[in-house]
Amino acid sequence: MNLEDELKLALRRKEPPPGFRQRVLAATRRPRHPFRNLAAAALLTLLVGGTTAHFIEERREGERAKEQVLQALRITSHELRDTRQHIHELTK
């Protein structure tokens, strides 16, 4: 038997076993709990990951803002010290 004949034989139409249609229909009507559980787990993972990333970015922004405020306070402190010293020298 050549390859073509083997393929024809393997791919010929076959009648399904008795009850096949009913089993397929019953399987499609059954609840898909494993799929739902996987979908819920995937959604939860995305939400947690997204929320975590959001909070991390907010924290970084907060730290940058804190550093800017501290830098502004240092500059103001130096300016006030210089101004106080200048006034003190003028009043001598």
PDB file of N, CA and C in Angstrom:
ATOM      1  N   MET A   1       0.864  -1.176   0.000  1.00  0.00           N
ATOM      2  CA  MET A   1       0.000   0.000   0.000  1.00  0.00           C
ATOM      3  C   MET A   1       0.911   1.241   0.000  1.00  0.00           C
ATOM      4  N   ASN A   2       0.583   2.209  -0.876  1.00  0.00           N
ATOM      5  CA  ASN A   2       1.410   3.417  -0.932  1.00  0.00           C
ATOM      6  C   ASN A   2       0.858   4.478   0.033  1.00  0.00           C
ATOM      7  N   LEU A   3       1.587   5.583   0.147  1.00  0.00           N
ATOM      8  CA  LEU A   3       1.243   6.641   1.096  1.00  0.00           C
ATOM      9  C   LEU A   3      -0.133   7.225   0.815  1.00  0.00           C
ATOM     10  N   GLU A   4      -0.453   7.440  -0.430  1.00  0.00           N
ATOM     11  CA  GLU A   4      -1.749   8.017  -0.791  1.00  0.00           C
ATOM     12  C   GLU A   4      -2.894   7.122  -0.348  1.00  0.00           C
ATOM     13  N   ASP A   5      -2.763   5.812  -0.588  1.00  0.00           N
ATOM     14  CA  ASP A   5      -3.813   4.876  -0.177  1.00  0.00           C
ATOM     15  C   ASP A   5      -3.936   4.838   1.346  1.00  0.00           C
ATOM     16  N   GLU A   6      -2.796   4.900   2.046  1.00  0.00           N
ATOM     17  CA  GLU A   6      -2.824   4.891   3.516  1.00  0.00           C
ATOM     18  C   GLU A   6      -3.530   6.128   4.056  1.00  0.00           C
ATOM     19  N   LEU A   7      -3.267   7.283   3.426  1.00  0.00           N
ATOM     20  CA  LEU A   7      -3.932   8.511   3.846  1.00  0.00           C
ATOM     21  C   LEU A   7      -5.433   8.446   3.594  1.00  0.00           C
ATOM     22  N   LYS A   8      -5.829   7.952   2.447  1.00  0.00           N
ATOM     23  CA  LYS A   8      -7.255   7.816   2.147  1.00  0.00           C
ATOM     24  C   LYS A   8      -7.937   6.918   3.164  1.00  0.00           C
ATOM     25  N   LEU A   9      -7.300   5.821   3.495  1.00  0.00           N
ATOM     26  CA  LEU A   9      -7.860   4.879   4.454  1.00  0.00           C
ATOM     27  C   LEU A   9      -7.964   5.523   5.841  1.00  0.00           C
ATOM     28  N   ALA A  10      -6.918   6.247   6.225  1.00  0.00           N
ATOM     29  CA  ALA A  10      -6.916   6.861   7.553  1.00  0.00           C
ATOM     30  C   ALA A  10      -7.920   8.003   7.657  1.00  0.00           C
ATOM     31  N   LEU A  11      -8.168   8.694   6.554  1.00  0.00           N
ATOM     32  CA  LEU A  11      -9.032   9.866   6.576  1.00  0.00           C
ATOM     33  C   LEU A  11     -10.455   9.604   6.098  1.00  0.00           C
ATOM     34  N   ARG A  12     -10.789   8.349   5.859  1.00  0.00           N
ATOM     35  CA  ARG A  12     -12.145   8.057   5.373  1.00  0.00           C
ATOM     36  C   ARG A  12     -13.151   8.342   6.487  1.00  0.00           C
ATOM     37  N   ARG A  13     -14.365   8.620   6.080  1.00  0.00           N
ATOM     38  CA  ARG A  13     -15.436   8.929   7.030  1.00  0.00           C
ATOM     39  C   ARG A  13     -15.794   7.680   7.827  1.00  0.00           C
ATOM     40  N   LYS A  14     -15.937   7.873   9.125  1.00  0.00           N
ATOM     41  CA  LYS A  14     -16.327   6.774   9.998  1.00  0.00           C
ATOM     42  C   LYS A  14     -17.539   7.209  10.784  1.00  0.00           C
ATOM     43  N   GLU A  15     -18.409   6.297  11.047  1.00  0.00           N
ATOM     44  CA  GLU A  15     -19.586   6.590  11.862  1.00  0.00           C
ATOM     45  C   GLU A  15     -19.155   6.655  13.332  1.00  0.00           C
ATOM     46  N   PRO A  16     -19.658   7.637  14.076  1.00  0.00           N
ATOM     47  CA  PRO A  16     -19.295   7.731  15.489  1.00  0.00           C
ATOM     48  C   PRO A  16     -19.933   6.584  16.279  1.00  0.00           C
ATOM     49  N   PRO A  17     -19.371   6.262  17.420  1.00  0.00           N
ATOM     50  CA  PRO A  17     -19.943   5.190  18.229  1.00  0.00           C
ATOM     51  C   PRO A  17     -21.314   5.596  18.766  1.00  0.00           C
ATOM     52  N   PRO A  18     -22.127   4.631  19.146  1.00  0.00           N
ATOM     53  CA  PRO A  18     -23.461   4.954  19.679  1.00  0.00           C
ATOM     54  C   PRO A  18     -23.342   5.875  20.908  1.00  0.00           C
ATOM     55  N   GLY A  19     -24.223   6.877  20.971  1.00  0.00           N
ATOM     56  CA  GLY A  19     -24.267   7.796  22.108  1.00  0.00           C
ATOM     57  C   GLY A  19     -23.250   8.928  22.036  1.00  0.00           C
ATOM     58  N   PHE A  20     -22.467   8.987  20.970  1.00  0.00           N
ATOM     59  CA  PHE A  20     -21.422  10.015  20.853  1.00  0.00           C
ATOM     60  C   PHE A  20     -22.027  11.426  20.859  1.00  0.00           C
ATOM     61  N   ARG A  21     -23.078  11.607  20.070  1.00  0.00           N
ATOM     62  CA  ARG A  21     -23.714  12.926  19.964  1.00  0.00           C
ATOM     63  C   ARG A  21     -24.233  13.382  21.333  1.00  0.00           C
ATOM     64  N   GLN A  22     -24.899  12.471  22.046  1.00  0.00           N
ATOM     65  CA  GLN A  22     -25.449  12.823  23.358  1.00  0.00           C
ATOM     66  C   GLN A  22     -24.328  13.171  24.354  1.00  0.00           C
ATOM     67  N   ARG A  23     -23.228  12.434  24.308  1.00  0.00           N
ATOM     68  CA  ARG A  23     -22.120  12.715  25.223  1.00  0.00           C
ATOM     69  C   ARG A  23     -21.486  14.081  24.925  1.00  0.00           C
ATOM     70  N   VAL A  24     -21.360  14.398  23.634  1.00  0.00           N
ATOM     71  CA  VAL A  24     -20.792  15.703  23.261  1.00  0.00           C
ATOM     72  C   VAL A  24     -21.703  16.826  23.719  1.00  0.00           C
ATOM     73  N   LEU A  25     -23.004  16.678  23.464  1.00  0.00           N
ATOM     74  CA  LEU A  25     -23.955  17.711  23.880  1.00  0.00           C
ATOM     75  C   LEU A  25     -23.990  17.854  25.398  1.00  0.00           C
ATOM     76  N   ALA A  26     -23.946  16.744  26.103  1.00  0.00           N
ATOM     77  CA  ALA A  26     -23.952  16.798  27.565  1.00  0.00           C
ATOM     78  C   ALA A  26     -22.682  17.484  28.076  1.00  0.00           C
ATOM     79  N   ALA A  27     -21.563  17.214  27.459  1.00  0.00           N
ATOM     80  CA  ALA A  27     -20.299  17.832  27.887  1.00  0.00           C
ATOM     81  C   ALA A  27     -20.319  19.335  27.648  1.00  0.00           C
ATOM     82  N   THR A  28     -20.983  19.787  26.593  1.00  0.00           N
ATOM     83  CA  THR A  28     -21.020  21.226  26.318  1.00  0.00           C
ATOM     84  C   THR A  28     -21.971  21.946  27.249  1.00  0.00           C
ATOM     85  N   ARG A  29     -22.893  21.215  27.851  1.00  0.00           N
ATOM     86  CA  ARG A  29     -23.852  21.844  28.772  1.00  0.00           C
ATOM     87  C   ARG A  29     -23.361  21.834  30.214  1.00  0.00           C
ATOM     88  N   ARG A  30     -22.352  21.057  30.523  1.00  0.00           N
ATOM     89  CA  ARG A  30     -21.826  20.984  31.888  1.00  0.00           C
ATOM     90  C   ARG A  30     -21.163  22.295  32.260  1.00  0.00           C
ATOM     91  N   PRO A  31     -21.269  22.654  33.534  1.00  0.00           N
ATOM     92  CA  PRO A  31     -20.568  23.869  33.971  1.00  0.00           C
ATOM     93  C   PRO A  31     -19.062  23.720  33.754  1.00  0.00           C
ATOM     94  N   ARG A  32     -18.443  24.793  33.410  1.00  0.00           N
ATOM     95  CA  ARG A  32     -17.006  24.790  33.131  1.00  0.00           C
ATOM     96  C   ARG A  32     -16.260  25.393  34.322  1.00  0.00           C
ATOM     97  N   HIS A  33     -16.384  24.770  35.470  1.00  0.00           N
ATOM     98  CA  HIS A  33     -15.750  25.301  36.669  1.00  0.00           C
ATOM     99  C   HIS A  33     -14.236  25.447  36.533  1.00  0.00           C
ATOM    100  N   PRO A  34     -13.542  24.456  36.005  1.00  0.00           N
ATOM    101  CA  PRO A  34     -12.072  24.654  35.897  1.00  0.00           C
ATOM    102  C   PRO A  34     -11.718  25.869  35.059  1.00  0.00           C
ATOM    103  N   PHE A  35     -12.457  26.071  33.948  1.00  0.00           N
ATOM    104  CA  PHE A  35     -12.179  27.233  33.101  1.00  0.00           C
ATOM    105  C   PHE A  35     -12.493  28.518  33.859  1.00  0.00           C
ATOM    106  N   ARG A  36     -13.609  28.528  34.565  1.00  0.00           N
ATOM    107  CA  ARG A  36     -13.983  29.717  35.326  1.00  0.00           C
ATOM    108  C   ARG A  36     -12.951  30.002  36.409  1.00  0.00           C
ATOM    109  N   ASN A  37     -12.497  28.956  37.068  1.00  0.00           N
ATOM    110  CA  ASN A  37     -11.487  29.144  38.113  1.00  0.00           C
ATOM    111  C   ASN A  37     -10.191  29.691  37.534  1.00  0.00           C
ATOM    112  N   LEU A  38      -9.791  29.164  36.377  1.00  0.00           N
ATOM    113  CA  LEU A  38      -8.567  29.664  35.738  1.00  0.00           C
ATOM    114  C   LEU A  38      -8.736  31.112  35.296  1.00  0.00           C
ATOM    115  N   ALA A  39      -9.904  31.421  34.740  1.00  0.00           N
ATOM    116  CA  ALA A  39     -10.167  32.787  34.298  1.00  0.00           C
ATOM    117  C   ALA A  39     -10.166  33.737  35.494  1.00  0.00           C
ATOM    118  N   ALA A  40     -10.781  33.310  36.596  1.00  0.00           N
ATOM    119  CA  ALA A  40     -10.814  34.144  37.795  1.00  0.00           C
ATOM    120  C   ALA A  40      -9.402  34.344  38.347  1.00  0.00           C
ATOM    121  N   ALA A  41      -8.612  33.290  38.355  1.00  0.00           N
ATOM    122  CA  ALA A  41      -7.231  33.396  38.842  1.00  0.00           C
ATOM    123  C   ALA A  41      -6.410  34.330  37.954  1.00  0.00           C
ATOM    124  N   ALA A  42      -6.595  34.223  36.652  1.00  0.00           N
ATOM    125  CA  ALA A  42      -5.863  35.099  35.723  1.00  0.00           C
ATOM    126  C   ALA A  42      -6.269  36.554  35.926  1.00  0.00           C
ATOM    127  N   LEU A  43      -7.571  36.790  36.079  1.00  0.00           N
ATOM    128  CA  LEU A  43      -8.060  38.150  36.300  1.00  0.00           C
ATOM    129  C   LEU A  43      -7.525  38.707  37.617  1.00  0.00           C
ATOM    130  N   LEU A  44      -7.559  37.886  38.650  1.00  0.00           N
ATOM    131  CA  LEU A  44      -7.046  38.317  39.946  1.00  0.00           C
ATOM    132  C   LEU A  44      -5.552  38.646  39.865  1.00  0.00           C
ATOM    133  N   THR A  45      -4.813  37.822  39.156  1.00  0.00           N
ATOM    134  CA  THR A  45      -3.374  38.067  38.984  1.00  0.00           C
ATOM    135  C   THR A  45      -3.134  39.399  38.275  1.00  0.00           C
ATOM    136  N   LEU A  46      -3.910  39.663  37.231  1.00  0.00           N
ATOM    137  CA  LEU A  46      -3.759  40.929  36.510  1.00  0.00           C
ATOM    138  C   LEU A  46      -4.108  42.118  37.392  1.00  0.00           C
ATOM    139  N   LEU A  47      -5.187  41.983  38.160  1.00  0.00           N
ATOM    140  CA  LEU A  47      -5.596  43.084  39.028  1.00  0.00           C
ATOM    141  C   LEU A  47      -4.552  43.357  40.107  1.00  0.00           C
ATOM    142  N   VAL A  48      -4.078  42.305  40.753  1.00  0.00           N
ATOM    143  CA  VAL A  48      -3.079  42.473  41.806  1.00  0.00           C
ATOM    144  C   VAL A  48      -1.792  43.047  41.220  1.00  0.00           C
ATOM    145  N   GLY A  49      -1.371  42.504  40.094  1.00  0.00           N
ATOM    146  CA  GLY A  49      -0.151  43.007  39.456  1.00  0.00           C
ATOM    147  C   GLY A  49      -0.280  44.460  39.050  1.00  0.00           C
ATOM    148  N   GLY A  50      -1.411  44.804  38.456  1.00  0.00           N
ATOM    149  CA  GLY A  50      -1.631  46.193  38.045  1.00  0.00           C
ATOM    150  C   GLY A  50      -1.707  47.135  39.225  1.00  0.00           C
ATOM    151  N   THR A  51      -2.404  46.703  40.279  1.00  0.00           N
ATOM    152  CA  THR A  51      -2.526  47.526  41.471  1.00  0.00           C
ATOM    153  C   THR A  51      -1.172  47.708  42.137  1.00  0.00           C
ATOM    154  N   THR A  52      -0.415  46.634  42.226  1.00  0.00           N
ATOM    155  CA  THR A  52       0.914  46.711  42.828  1.00  0.00           C
ATOM    156  C   THR A  52       1.801  47.669  42.043  1.00  0.00           C
ATOM    157  N   ALA A  53       1.785  47.551  40.735  1.00  0.00           N
ATOM    158  CA  ALA A  53       2.594  48.448  39.898  1.00  0.00           C
ATOM    159  C   ALA A  53       2.163  49.901  40.098  1.00  0.00           C
ATOM    160  N   HIS A  54       0.860  50.119  40.214  1.00  0.00           N
ATOM    161  CA  HIS A  54       0.333  51.472  40.419  1.00  0.00           C
ATOM    162  C   HIS A  54       0.834  52.039  41.747  1.00  0.00           C
ATOM    163  N   PHE A  55       0.760  51.231  42.815  1.00  0.00           N
ATOM    164  CA  PHE A  55       1.208  51.703  44.122  1.00  0.00           C
ATOM    165  C   PHE A  55       2.718  51.934  44.153  1.00  0.00           C
ATOM    166  N   ILE A  56       3.463  51.102  43.468  1.00  0.00           N
ATOM    167  CA  ILE A  56       4.911  51.289  43.414  1.00  0.00           C
ATOM    168  C   ILE A  56       5.238  52.611  42.720  1.00  0.00           C
ATOM    169  N   GLU A  57       4.539  52.882  41.623  1.00  0.00           N
ATOM    170  CA  GLU A  57       4.779  54.137  40.896  1.00  0.00           C
ATOM    171  C   GLU A  57       4.363  55.333  41.743  1.00  0.00           C
ATOM    172  N   GLU A  58       3.232  55.222  42.456  1.00  0.00           N
ATOM    173  CA  GLU A  58       2.807  56.321  43.330  1.00  0.00           C
ATOM    174  C   GLU A  58       3.837  56.564  44.434  1.00  0.00           C
ATOM    175  N   ARG A  59       4.372  55.480  44.977  1.00  0.00           N
ATOM    176  CA  ARG A  59       5.384  55.626  46.028  1.00  0.00           C
ATOM    177  C   ARG A  59       6.623  56.329  45.478  1.00  0.00           C
ATOM    178  N   ARG A  60       7.046  55.946  44.283  1.00  0.00           N
ATOM    179  CA  ARG A  60       8.214  56.606  43.670  1.00  0.00           C
ATOM    180  C   ARG A  60       7.956  58.088  43.462  1.00  0.00           C
ATOM    181  N   GLU A  61       6.746  58.412  42.984  1.00  0.00           N
ATOM    182  CA  GLU A  61       6.407  59.820  42.786  1.00  0.00           C
ATOM    183  C   GLU A  61       6.413  60.559  44.111  1.00  0.00           C
ATOM    184  N   GLY A  62       5.886  59.913  45.158  1.00  0.00           N
ATOM    185  CA  GLY A  62       5.882  60.513  46.493  1.00  0.00           C
ATOM    186  C   GLY A  62       7.300  60.747  47.006  1.00  0.00           C
ATOM    187  N   GLU A  63       8.179  59.776  46.772  1.00  0.00           N
ATOM    188  CA  GLU A  63       9.575  59.933  47.202  1.00  0.00           C
ATOM    189  C   GLU A  63      10.258  61.062  46.443  1.00  0.00           C
ATOM    190  N   ARG A  64       9.959  61.177  45.129  1.00  0.00           N
ATOM    191  CA  ARG A  64      10.534  62.285  44.348  1.00  0.00           C
ATOM    192  C   ARG A  64      10.022  63.634  44.872  1.00  0.00           C
ATOM    193  N   ALA A  65       8.720  63.691  45.173  1.00  0.00           N
ATOM    194  CA  ALA A  65       8.145  64.936  45.692  1.00  0.00           C
ATOM    195  C   ALA A  65       8.764  65.278  47.045  1.00  0.00           C
ATOM    196  N   LYS A  66       8.966  64.271  47.892  1.00  0.00           N
ATOM    197  CA  LYS A  66       9.578  64.488  49.199  1.00  0.00           C
ATOM    198  C   LYS A  66      10.987  65.061  49.042  1.00  0.00           C
ATOM    199  N   GLU A  67      11.761  64.494  48.126  1.00  0.00           N
ATOM    200  CA  GLU A  67      13.116  64.989  47.897  1.00  0.00           C
ATOM    201  C   GLU A  67      13.100  66.422  47.395  1.00  0.00           C
ATOM    202  N   GLN A  68      12.128  66.748  46.550  1.00  0.00           N
ATOM    203  CA  GLN A  68      12.034  68.121  46.042  1.00  0.00           C
ATOM    204  C   GLN A  68      11.698  69.095  47.173  1.00  0.00           C
ATOM    205  N   VAL A  69      10.780  68.684  48.065  1.00  0.00           N
ATOM    206  CA  VAL A  69      10.415  69.539  49.198  1.00  0.00           C
ATOM    207  C   VAL A  69      11.617  69.726  50.118  1.00  0.00           C
ATOM    208  N   LEU A  70      12.326  68.627  50.408  1.00  0.00           N
ATOM    209  CA  LEU A  70      13.502  68.733  51.270  1.00  0.00           C
ATOM    210  C   LEU A  70      14.562  69.631  50.650  1.00  0.00           C
ATOM    211  N   GLN A  71      14.764  69.523  49.344  1.00  0.00           N
ATOM    212  CA  GLN A  71      15.726  70.385  48.652  1.00  0.00           C
ATOM    213  C   GLN A  71      15.282  71.843  48.743  1.00  0.00           C
ATOM    214  N   ALA A  72      13.993  72.090  48.556  1.00  0.00           N
ATOM    215  CA  ALA A  72      13.481  73.466  48.660  1.00  0.00           C
ATOM    216  C   ALA A  72      13.684  74.001  50.077  1.00  0.00           C
ATOM    217  N   LEU A  73      13.471  73.159  51.100  1.00  0.00           N
ATOM    218  CA  LEU A  73      13.688  73.596  52.480  1.00  0.00           C
ATOM    219  C   LEU A  73      15.156  73.887  52.752  1.00  0.00           C
ATOM    220  N   ARG A  74      16.055  73.084  52.195  1.00  0.00           N
ATOM    221  CA  ARG A  74      17.489  73.334  52.376  1.00  0.00           C
ATOM    222  C   ARG A  74      17.885  74.669  51.741  1.00  0.00           C
ATOM    223  N   ILE A  75      17.387  74.889  50.529  1.00  0.00           N
ATOM    224  CA  ILE A  75      17.708  76.151  49.842  1.00  0.00           C
ATOM    225  C   ILE A  75      17.159  77.326  50.634  1.00  0.00           C
ATOM    226  N   THR A  76      15.909  77.200  51.105  1.00  0.00           N
ATOM    227  CA  THR A  76      15.299  78.279  51.881  1.00  0.00           C
ATOM    228  C   THR A  76      16.075  78.528  53.166  1.00  0.00           C
ATOM    229  N   SER A  77      16.494  77.460  53.815  1.00  0.00           N
ATOM    230  CA  SER A  77      17.264  77.591  55.046  1.00  0.00           C
ATOM    231  C   SER A  77      18.578  78.336  54.802  1.00  0.00           C
ATOM    232  N   HIS A  78      19.255  77.974  53.731  1.00  0.00           N
ATOM    233  CA  HIS A  78      20.520  78.656  53.390  1.00  0.00           C
ATOM    234  C   HIS A  78      20.270  80.131  53.074  1.00  0.00           C
ATOM    235  N   GLU A  79      19.203  80.390  52.333  1.00  0.00           N
ATOM    236  CA  GLU A  79      18.895  81.781  51.977  1.00  0.00           C
ATOM    237  C   GLU A  79      18.561  82.591  53.224  1.00  0.00           C
ATOM    238  N   LEU A  80      17.774  82.001  54.142  1.00  0.00           N
ATOM    239  CA  LEU A  80      17.423  82.709  55.373  1.00  0.00           C
ATOM    240  C   LEU A  80      18.664  82.958  56.233  1.00  0.00           C
ATOM    241  N   ARG A  81      19.538  81.963  56.312  1.00  0.00           N
ATOM    242  CA  ARG A  81      20.771  82.128  57.088  1.00  0.00           C
ATOM    243  C   ARG A  81      21.619  83.263  56.497  1.00  0.00           C
ATOM    244  N   ASP A  82      21.755  83.250  55.165  1.00  0.00           N
ATOM    245  CA  ASP A  82      22.539  84.301  54.505  1.00  0.00           C
ATOM    246  C   ASP A  82      21.907  85.674  54.732  1.00  0.00           C
ATOM    247  N   THR A  83      20.586  85.730  54.621  1.00  0.00           N
ATOM    248  CA  THR A  83      19.883  87.005  54.820  1.00  0.00           C
ATOM    249  C   THR A  83      20.038  87.476  56.260  1.00  0.00           C
ATOM    250  N   ARG A  84      19.881  86.565  57.222  1.00  0.00           N
ATOM    251  CA  ARG A  84      20.045  86.914  58.635  1.00  0.00           C
ATOM    252  C   ARG A  84      21.469  87.434  58.904  1.00  0.00           C
ATOM    253  N   GLN A  85      22.450  86.772  58.316  1.00  0.00           N
ATOM    254  CA  GLN A  85      23.845  87.179  58.488  1.00  0.00           C
ATOM    255  C   GLN A  85      24.086  88.562  57.880  1.00  0.00           C
ATOM    256  N   HIS A  86      23.502  88.786  56.713  1.00  0.00           N
ATOM    257  CA  HIS A  86      23.646  90.089  56.047  1.00  0.00           C
ATOM    258  C   HIS A  86      23.019  91.195  56.892  1.00  0.00           C
ATOM    259  N   ILE A  87      21.820  90.924  57.445  1.00  0.00           N
ATOM    260  CA  ILE A  87      21.142  91.915  58.294  1.00  0.00           C
ATOM    261  C   ILE A  87      21.979  92.168  59.545  1.00  0.00           C
ATOM    262  N   HIS A  88      22.511  91.126  60.115  1.00  0.00           N
ATOM    263  CA  HIS A  88      23.342  91.258  61.327  1.00  0.00           C
ATOM    264  C   HIS A  88      24.571  92.143  61.032  1.00  0.00           C
ATOM    265  N   GLU A  89      25.192  91.952  59.875  1.00  0.00           N
ATOM    266  CA  GLU A  89      26.358  92.758  59.495  1.00  0.00           C
ATOM    267  C   GLU A  89      25.973  94.214  59.276  1.00  0.00           C
ATOM    268  N   LEU A  90      24.768  94.446  58.727  1.00  0.00           N
ATOM    269  CA  LEU A  90      24.324  95.826  58.483  1.00  0.00           C
ATOM    270  C   LEU A  90      24.004  96.565  59.772  1.00  0.00           C
ATOM    271  N   THR A  91      23.576  95.831  60.797  1.00  0.00           N
ATOM    272  CA  THR A  91      23.168  96.471  62.047  1.00  0.00           C
ATOM    273  C   THR A  91      24.311  96.622  63.041  1.00  0.00           C
ATOM    274  N   LYS A  92      25.496  96.218  62.717  1.00  0.00           N
ATOM    275  CA  LYS A  92      26.664  96.359  63.609  1.00  0.00           C
ATOM    276  C   LYS A  92      27.071  97.789  63.725  1.00  0.00           C
TER     277      LYS A  92
END
